Amino acid sequence: MDVKIEKSWKEQLKDEFEKDYFVKLTGFVRNEYHTKQIFPPAKFIFNAFDHTPFDKVKVVILGQDPYHNDGQAHGLSFSVPDGIQTPPSLVNIFKEINQDLGAPIPRSGNLTRWANQGVMLLNATLTVQAHTAGSHQRKGWEEFTDAAIHKLAEERENIVFILWGSYAQKKAAFIDGNRHLVLRSVHPSPLSAHNGFFGNNHFSTANKYLASKGIAPIEW
């Protein structure tokens, strides 16, 4: 099956594209785009992969679902395009970066600049029906994105995996903490951020780890 995805990832994940679950998933997603309003726009489904080639990944920040309101989703977890109001979880992420590193809070919630530095902003589910949270969960995307995390965990070293919230933290089960740095805390959502997200210092911790391995830190 020909999937339009960045070439290094295409090579790494080529076995997935032939599996029954992925063939079914592709049929489901194609039909959904033809018959309903689906986010992100189809050209951005694999945006997280396209901006961070396999060998360039330094950090993985795992989200769960794309945003499901108009104009928000563009294929990068937690990120929104320029000109779109910064969502509450991302507001809290920016606040924590400001407290942790002293970096000014950006006006735009577009995190493409992180992705281009090697921060893979990966949602577990890559599509969603408009205004219907979780509508494309358990259709096969999770199996595909788990395969991507497995590949990174097994074939690369010294990646920082940032897992916020109980859903993301389950992925730690197949990441070797001796080969990578796994950072966990509650989710940055307004419902939980004050219970351990603020003050987690994940951004400075990630940069110190990368620097200790001779890897250029991220300009958060």
C-alpha atoms as a PDB file:
ATOM      1  CA  MET A   1       0.000   0.000   0.000  1.00  0.00           C
ATOM      2  CA  ASP A   2       1.381   3.421  -0.936  1.00  0.00           C
ATOM      3  CA  VAL A   3       1.182   5.782   2.037  1.00  0.00           C
ATOM      4  CA  LYS A   4       2.276   9.412   1.703  1.00  0.00           C
ATOM      5  CA  ILE A   5       4.623   9.719   4.665  1.00  0.00           C
ATOM      6  CA  GLU A   6       8.210  10.931   5.138  1.00  0.00           C
ATOM      7  CA  LYS A   7      10.607   8.454   3.510  1.00  0.00           C
ATOM      8  CA  SER A   8      12.590   7.314   6.559  1.00  0.00           C
ATOM      9  CA  TRP A   9       9.361   6.560   8.406  1.00  0.00           C
ATOM     10  CA  LYS A  10       7.983   4.855   5.328  1.00  0.00           C
ATOM     11  CA  GLU A  11      10.937   2.503   5.441  1.00  0.00           C
ATOM     12  CA  GLN A  12      10.682   1.912   9.206  1.00  0.00           C
ATOM     13  CA  LEU A  13       6.935   1.238   9.153  1.00  0.00           C
ATOM     14  CA  LYS A  14       6.609  -0.509   5.782  1.00  0.00           C
ATOM     15  CA  ASP A  15       5.498  -3.782   7.385  1.00  0.00           C
ATOM     16  CA  GLU A  16       2.597  -2.006   9.118  1.00  0.00           C
ATOM     17  CA  PHE A  17       1.161  -0.741   5.835  1.00  0.00           C
ATOM     18  CA  GLU A  18       0.555  -4.306   4.637  1.00  0.00           C
ATOM     19  CA  LYS A  19      -1.139  -5.555   7.823  1.00  0.00           C
ATOM     20  CA  ASP A  20      -4.876  -6.225   7.861  1.00  0.00           C
ATOM     21  CA  TYR A  21      -5.571  -3.659  10.575  1.00  0.00           C
ATOM     22  CA  PHE A  22      -3.928  -0.886   8.543  1.00  0.00           C
ATOM     23  CA  VAL A  23      -5.749  -1.818   5.334  1.00  0.00           C
ATOM     24  CA  LYS A  24      -9.059  -1.698   7.256  1.00  0.00           C
ATOM     25  CA  LEU A  25      -8.059   1.553   8.946  1.00  0.00           C
ATOM     26  CA  THR A  26      -7.240   3.151   5.588  1.00  0.00           C
ATOM     27  CA  GLY A  27     -10.653   2.169   4.205  1.00  0.00           C
ATOM     28  CA  PHE A  28     -12.409   3.525   7.279  1.00  0.00           C
ATOM     29  CA  VAL A  29     -10.513   6.823   7.255  1.00  0.00           C
ATOM     30  CA  ARG A  30     -10.980   7.340   3.517  1.00  0.00           C
ATOM     31  CA  ASN A  31     -14.737   6.795   3.844  1.00  0.00           C
ATOM     32  CA  GLU A  32     -14.916   9.165   6.825  1.00  0.00           C
ATOM     33  CA  TYR A  33     -13.195  11.962   4.876  1.00  0.00           C
ATOM     34  CA  HIS A  34     -15.606  11.441   1.977  1.00  0.00           C
ATOM     35  CA  THR A  35     -18.758  11.469   4.093  1.00  0.00           C
ATOM     36  CA  LYS A  36     -18.081  13.633   7.169  1.00  0.00           C
ATOM     37  CA  GLN A  37     -16.035  16.570   8.394  1.00  0.00           C
ATOM     38  CA  ILE A  38     -12.792  15.066   9.704  1.00  0.00           C
ATOM     39  CA  PHE A  39      -9.755  16.715  11.297  1.00  0.00           C
ATOM     40  CA  PRO A  40      -6.949  17.359  10.609  1.00  0.00           C
ATOM     41  CA  PRO A  41      -7.109  18.131   6.874  1.00  0.00           C
ATOM     42  CA  ALA A  42      -6.045  14.923   5.113  1.00  0.00           C
ATOM     43  CA  LYS A  43      -2.680  16.339   4.004  1.00  0.00           C
ATOM     44  CA  PHE A  44      -1.716  16.781   7.679  1.00  0.00           C
ATOM     45  CA  ILE A  45      -2.552  13.274   8.961  1.00  0.00           C
ATOM     46  CA  PHE A  46       1.135  12.287   9.078  1.00  0.00           C
ATOM     47  CA  ASN A  47       2.477  15.762   9.892  1.00  0.00           C
ATOM     48  CA  ALA A  48       4.285  14.563  13.042  1.00  0.00           C
ATOM     49  CA  PHE A  49       6.216  12.038  10.945  1.00  0.00           C
ATOM     50  CA  ASP A  50       6.842  14.433   8.059  1.00  0.00           C
ATOM     51  CA  HIS A  51       8.468  17.083  10.282  1.00  0.00           C
ATOM     52  CA  THR A  52      10.613  14.708  12.348  1.00  0.00           C
ATOM     53  CA  PRO A  53      12.360  12.014  10.291  1.00  0.00           C
ATOM     54  CA  PHE A  54      13.176   8.796  12.172  1.00  0.00           C
ATOM     55  CA  ASP A  55      16.874   9.567  12.756  1.00  0.00           C
ATOM     56  CA  LYS A  56      16.177  13.169  13.786  1.00  0.00           C
ATOM     57  CA  VAL A  57      13.793  12.430  16.682  1.00  0.00           C
ATOM     58  CA  LYS A  58      15.191  13.739  19.995  1.00  0.00           C
ATOM     59  CA  VAL A  59      12.006  14.035  22.055  1.00  0.00           C
ATOM     60  CA  VAL A  60       8.554  12.436  21.780  1.00  0.00           C
ATOM     61  CA  ILE A  61       5.566  14.235  23.327  1.00  0.00           C
ATOM     62  CA  LEU A  62       2.573  11.934  23.210  1.00  0.00           C
ATOM     63  CA  GLY A  63      -0.993  13.177  22.919  1.00  0.00           C
ATOM     64  CA  GLN A  64      -4.181  11.171  22.601  1.00  0.00           C
ATOM     65  CA  ASP A  65      -6.521  12.678  19.974  1.00  0.00           C
ATOM     66  CA  PRO A  66      -6.365  15.553  17.495  1.00  0.00           C
ATOM     67  CA  TYR A  67      -8.306  18.679  18.443  1.00  0.00           C
ATOM     68  CA  HIS A  68     -11.872  18.348  17.167  1.00  0.00           C
ATOM     69  CA  ASN A  69     -12.928  21.993  16.764  1.00  0.00           C
ATOM     70  CA  ASP A  70     -12.685  23.979  13.525  1.00  0.00           C
ATOM     71  CA  GLY A  71      -9.220  24.984  12.384  1.00  0.00           C
ATOM     72  CA  GLN A  72      -7.309  23.613  15.381  1.00  0.00           C
ATOM     73  CA  ALA A  73      -5.807  20.286  14.313  1.00  0.00           C
ATOM     74  CA  HIS A  74      -2.813  20.153  11.972  1.00  0.00           C
ATOM     75  CA  GLY A  75      -1.298  16.802  12.804  1.00  0.00           C
ATOM     76  CA  LEU A  76       0.974  17.782  15.703  1.00  0.00           C
ATOM     77  CA  SER A  77      -0.041  16.923  19.272  1.00  0.00           C
ATOM     78  CA  PHE A  78      -0.972  19.943  21.435  1.00  0.00           C
ATOM     79  CA  SER A  79      -0.222  22.325  18.524  1.00  0.00           C
ATOM     80  CA  VAL A  80      -2.568  24.648  16.630  1.00  0.00           C
ATOM     81  CA  PRO A  81      -1.906  26.656  13.453  1.00  0.00           C
ATOM     82  CA  ASP A  82      -0.986  30.340  13.594  1.00  0.00           C
ATOM     83  CA  GLY A  83      -3.993  32.586  14.194  1.00  0.00           C
ATOM     84  CA  ILE A  84      -5.915  29.987  16.243  1.00  0.00           C
ATOM     85  CA  GLN A  85      -6.479  30.668  19.941  1.00  0.00           C
ATOM     86  CA  THR A  86      -4.061  28.709  22.132  1.00  0.00           C
ATOM     87  CA  PRO A  87      -5.999  25.817  23.755  1.00  0.00           C
ATOM     88  CA  PRO A  88      -6.012  25.527  27.577  1.00  0.00           C
ATOM     89  CA  SER A  89      -3.567  22.593  27.830  1.00  0.00           C
ATOM     90  CA  LEU A  90      -1.068  24.385  25.615  1.00  0.00           C
ATOM     91  CA  VAL A  91      -1.481  27.581  27.650  1.00  0.00           C
ATOM     92  CA  ASN A  92      -0.380  25.533  30.666  1.00  0.00           C
ATOM     93  CA  ILE A  93       2.531  23.998  28.739  1.00  0.00           C
ATOM     94  CA  PHE A  94       3.746  27.489  27.850  1.00  0.00           C
ATOM     95  CA  LYS A  95       3.336  28.596  31.494  1.00  0.00           C
ATOM     96  CA  GLU A  96       5.453  25.661  32.673  1.00  0.00           C
ATOM     97  CA  ILE A  97       8.164  26.448  30.087  1.00  0.00           C
ATOM     98  CA  ASN A  98       8.130  30.051  31.273  1.00  0.00           C
ATOM     99  CA  GLN A  99       8.520  28.977  34.927  1.00  0.00           C
ATOM    100  CA  ASP A 100      11.057  26.253  34.134  1.00  0.00           C
ATOM    101  CA  LEU A 101      13.293  28.031  31.626  1.00  0.00           C
ATOM    102  CA  GLY A 102      12.273  31.688  31.771  1.00  0.00           C
ATOM    103  CA  ALA A 103      11.297  31.604  28.088  1.00  0.00           C
ATOM    104  CA  PRO A 104       8.629  34.135  27.097  1.00  0.00           C
ATOM    105  CA  ILE A 105       5.117  32.817  26.429  1.00  0.00           C
ATOM    106  CA  PRO A 106       4.590  32.718  22.649  1.00  0.00           C
ATOM    107  CA  ARG A 107       1.666  34.455  20.980  1.00  0.00           C
ATOM    108  CA  SER A 108       1.139  31.530  18.620  1.00  0.00           C
ATOM    109  CA  GLY A 109       0.328  27.960  19.604  1.00  0.00           C
ATOM    110  CA  ASN A 110       1.992  26.609  16.459  1.00  0.00           C
ATOM    111  CA  LEU A 111       4.627  24.085  17.601  1.00  0.00           C
ATOM    112  CA  THR A 112       6.035  23.339  14.144  1.00  0.00           C
ATOM    113  CA  ARG A 113       9.272  24.982  15.310  1.00  0.00           C
ATOM    114  CA  TRP A 114       9.605  22.241  17.935  1.00  0.00           C
ATOM    115  CA  ALA A 115       8.869  19.507  15.398  1.00  0.00           C
ATOM    116  CA  ASN A 116      11.549  20.872  13.082  1.00  0.00           C
ATOM    117  CA  GLN A 117      14.083  20.599  15.937  1.00  0.00           C
ATOM    118  CA  GLY A 118      13.335  16.901  16.502  1.00  0.00           C
ATOM    119  CA  VAL A 119      10.372  16.980  18.874  1.00  0.00           C
ATOM    120  CA  MET A 120       7.911  14.374  17.604  1.00  0.00           C
ATOM    121  CA  LEU A 121       4.452  15.639  18.525  1.00  0.00           C
ATOM    122  CA  LEU A 122       2.597  12.364  18.153  1.00  0.00           C
ATOM    123  CA  ASN A 123      -1.053  11.730  18.856  1.00  0.00           C
ATOM    124  CA  ALA A 124      -2.009   8.111  19.518  1.00  0.00           C
ATOM    125  CA  THR A 125      -5.004   8.569  17.200  1.00  0.00           C
ATOM    126  CA  LEU A 126      -4.300  10.592  14.063  1.00  0.00           C
ATOM    127  CA  THR A 127      -7.821  11.592  12.952  1.00  0.00           C
ATOM    128  CA  VAL A 128     -11.131  12.612  14.557  1.00  0.00           C
ATOM    129  CA  GLN A 129     -14.644  13.521  13.452  1.00  0.00           C
ATOM    130  CA  ALA A 130     -15.440  17.216  13.878  1.00  0.00           C
ATOM    131  CA  HIS A 131     -16.809  18.113  17.316  1.00  0.00           C
ATOM    132  CA  THR A 132     -16.816  14.437  18.410  1.00  0.00           C
ATOM    133  CA  ALA A 133     -13.925  13.709  20.762  1.00  0.00           C
ATOM    134  CA  GLY A 134     -12.500  10.195  20.590  1.00  0.00           C
ATOM    135  CA  SER A 135     -14.574   9.243  17.546  1.00  0.00           C
ATOM    136  CA  HIS A 136     -11.678   7.513  15.737  1.00  0.00           C
ATOM    137  CA  GLN A 137     -10.231   5.696  18.735  1.00  0.00           C
ATOM    138  CA  ARG A 138      -9.890   1.892  18.547  1.00  0.00           C
ATOM    139  CA  LYS A 139     -10.030   1.860  14.746  1.00  0.00           C
ATOM    140  CA  GLY A 140      -6.375   0.924  14.295  1.00  0.00           C
ATOM    141  CA  TRP A 141      -4.483   4.168  14.736  1.00  0.00           C
ATOM    142  CA  GLU A 142      -3.235   3.194  18.194  1.00  0.00           C
ATOM    143  CA  GLU A 143      -1.654   0.043  16.787  1.00  0.00           C
ATOM    144  CA  PHE A 144       0.106   2.092  14.127  1.00  0.00           C
ATOM    145  CA  THR A 145       1.412   4.788  16.480  1.00  0.00           C
ATOM    146  CA  ASP A 146       2.474   2.144  19.011  1.00  0.00           C
ATOM    147  CA  ALA A 147       4.521   0.556  16.217  1.00  0.00           C
ATOM    148  CA  ALA A 148       6.244   3.910  15.657  1.00  0.00           C
ATOM    149  CA  ILE A 149       7.051   4.236  19.375  1.00  0.00           C
ATOM    150  CA  HIS A 150       8.353   0.649  19.431  1.00  0.00           C
ATOM    151  CA  LYS A 151      10.671   1.406  16.503  1.00  0.00           C
ATOM    152  CA  LEU A 152      12.081   4.491  18.203  1.00  0.00           C
ATOM    153  CA  ALA A 153      12.455   2.721  21.545  1.00  0.00           C
ATOM    154  CA  GLU A 154      14.192  -0.320  20.044  1.00  0.00           C
ATOM    155  CA  GLU A 155      16.324   1.105  17.251  1.00  0.00           C
ATOM    156  CA  ARG A 156      17.348   4.498  18.603  1.00  0.00           C
ATOM    157  CA  GLU A 157      18.994   5.578  21.849  1.00  0.00           C
ATOM    158  CA  ASN A 158      18.892   8.644  24.098  1.00  0.00           C
ATOM    159  CA  ILE A 159      15.402   9.847  23.173  1.00  0.00           C
ATOM    160  CA  VAL A 160      13.340  11.737  25.763  1.00  0.00           C
ATOM    161  CA  PHE A 161       9.800  10.359  25.979  1.00  0.00           C
ATOM    162  CA  ILE A 162       7.470  12.860  27.665  1.00  0.00           C
ATOM    163  CA  LEU A 163       4.309  11.142  28.911  1.00  0.00           C
ATOM    164  CA  TRP A 164       1.620  13.368  30.424  1.00  0.00           C
ATOM    165  CA  GLY A 165      -1.476  11.777  31.883  1.00  0.00           C
ATOM    166  CA  SER A 166      -2.422   8.153  32.514  1.00  0.00           C
ATOM    167  CA  TYR A 167      -3.101   7.326  28.858  1.00  0.00           C
ATOM    168  CA  ALA A 168       0.345   8.411  27.671  1.00  0.00           C
ATOM    169  CA  GLN A 169       2.070   6.815  30.665  1.00  0.00           C
ATOM    170  CA  LYS A 170       0.869   3.358  29.599  1.00  0.00           C
ATOM    171  CA  LYS A 171       3.299   3.609  26.680  1.00  0.00           C
ATOM    172  CA  ALA A 172       6.223   3.494  29.113  1.00  0.00           C
ATOM    173  CA  ALA A 173       5.688  -0.277  29.305  1.00  0.00           C
ATOM    174  CA  PHE A 174       7.641  -0.784  26.095  1.00  0.00           C
ATOM    175  CA  ILE A 175      10.321   1.899  26.477  1.00  0.00           C
ATOM    176  CA  ASP A 176      13.648   0.842  28.018  1.00  0.00           C
ATOM    177  CA  GLY A 177      14.491   3.429  30.680  1.00  0.00           C
ATOM    178  CA  ASN A 178      18.172   2.483  30.452  1.00  0.00           C
ATOM    179  CA  ARG A 179      18.385   3.494  26.790  1.00  0.00           C
ATOM    180  CA  HIS A 180      16.064   6.494  26.932  1.00  0.00           C
ATOM    181  CA  LEU A 181      14.773   9.087  29.400  1.00  0.00           C
ATOM    182  CA  VAL A 182      11.107   8.658  30.306  1.00  0.00           C
ATOM    183  CA  LEU A 183       9.453  11.668  31.954  1.00  0.00           C
ATOM    184  CA  ARG A 184       5.983  11.283  33.466  1.00  0.00           C
ATOM    185  CA  SER A 185       3.507  13.652  35.100  1.00  0.00           C
ATOM    186  CA  VAL A 186      -0.188  14.451  35.162  1.00  0.00           C
ATOM    187  CA  HIS A 187      -1.695  15.993  32.031  1.00  0.00           C
ATOM    188  CA  PRO A 188      -1.397  19.771  31.422  1.00  0.00           C
ATOM    189  CA  SER A 189      -5.179  20.080  31.148  1.00  0.00           C
ATOM    190  CA  PRO A 190      -6.739  22.681  33.485  1.00  0.00           C
ATOM    191  CA  LEU A 191      -8.397  19.767  35.336  1.00  0.00           C
ATOM    192  CA  SER A 192      -5.075  18.323  36.482  1.00  0.00           C
ATOM    193  CA  ALA A 193      -2.220  20.768  35.830  1.00  0.00           C
ATOM    194  CA  HIS A 194      -2.092  21.977  39.449  1.00  0.00           C
ATOM    195  CA  ASN A 195      -1.692  18.379  40.692  1.00  0.00           C
ATOM    196  CA  GLY A 196       1.849  17.946  39.433  1.00  0.00           C
ATOM    197  CA  PHE A 197       2.201  19.297  35.918  1.00  0.00           C
ATOM    198  CA  PHE A 198       3.297  22.743  37.055  1.00  0.00           C
ATOM    199  CA  GLY A 199       6.774  22.411  38.479  1.00  0.00           C
ATOM    200  CA  ASN A 200       7.591  19.110  36.752  1.00  0.00           C
ATOM    201  CA  ASN A 201      10.555  20.822  35.025  1.00  0.00           C
ATOM    202  CA  HIS A 202      10.306  18.422  32.096  1.00  0.00           C
ATOM    203  CA  PHE A 203      11.664  20.918  29.598  1.00  0.00           C
ATOM    204  CA  SER A 204      14.890  21.720  31.461  1.00  0.00           C
ATOM    205  CA  THR A 205      15.289  18.038  32.412  1.00  0.00           C
ATOM    206  CA  ALA A 206      14.959  16.998  28.767  1.00  0.00           C
ATOM    207  CA  ASN A 207      17.540  19.553  27.668  1.00  0.00           C
ATOM    208  CA  LYS A 208      20.024  18.569  30.371  1.00  0.00           C
ATOM    209  CA  TYR A 209      19.690  14.918  29.350  1.00  0.00           C
ATOM    210  CA  LEU A 210      20.164  15.692  25.644  1.00  0.00           C
ATOM    211  CA  ALA A 211      23.195  17.865  26.383  1.00  0.00           C
ATOM    212  CA  SER A 212      24.703  15.109  28.565  1.00  0.00           C
ATOM    213  CA  LYS A 213      24.511  12.788  25.538  1.00  0.00           C
ATOM    214  CA  GLY A 214      26.127  15.314  23.207  1.00  0.00           C
ATOM    215  CA  ILE A 215      22.810  16.146  21.525  1.00  0.00           C
ATOM    216  CA  ALA A 216      21.789  19.753  20.864  1.00  0.00           C
ATOM    217  CA  PRO A 217      19.030  20.796  23.296  1.00  0.00           C
ATOM    218  CA  ILE A 218      15.628  22.059  22.179  1.00  0.00           C
ATOM    219  CA  GLU A 219      14.798  25.758  21.980  1.00  0.00           C
ATOM    220  CA  TRP A 220      11.457  25.505  23.736  1.00  0.00           C
END
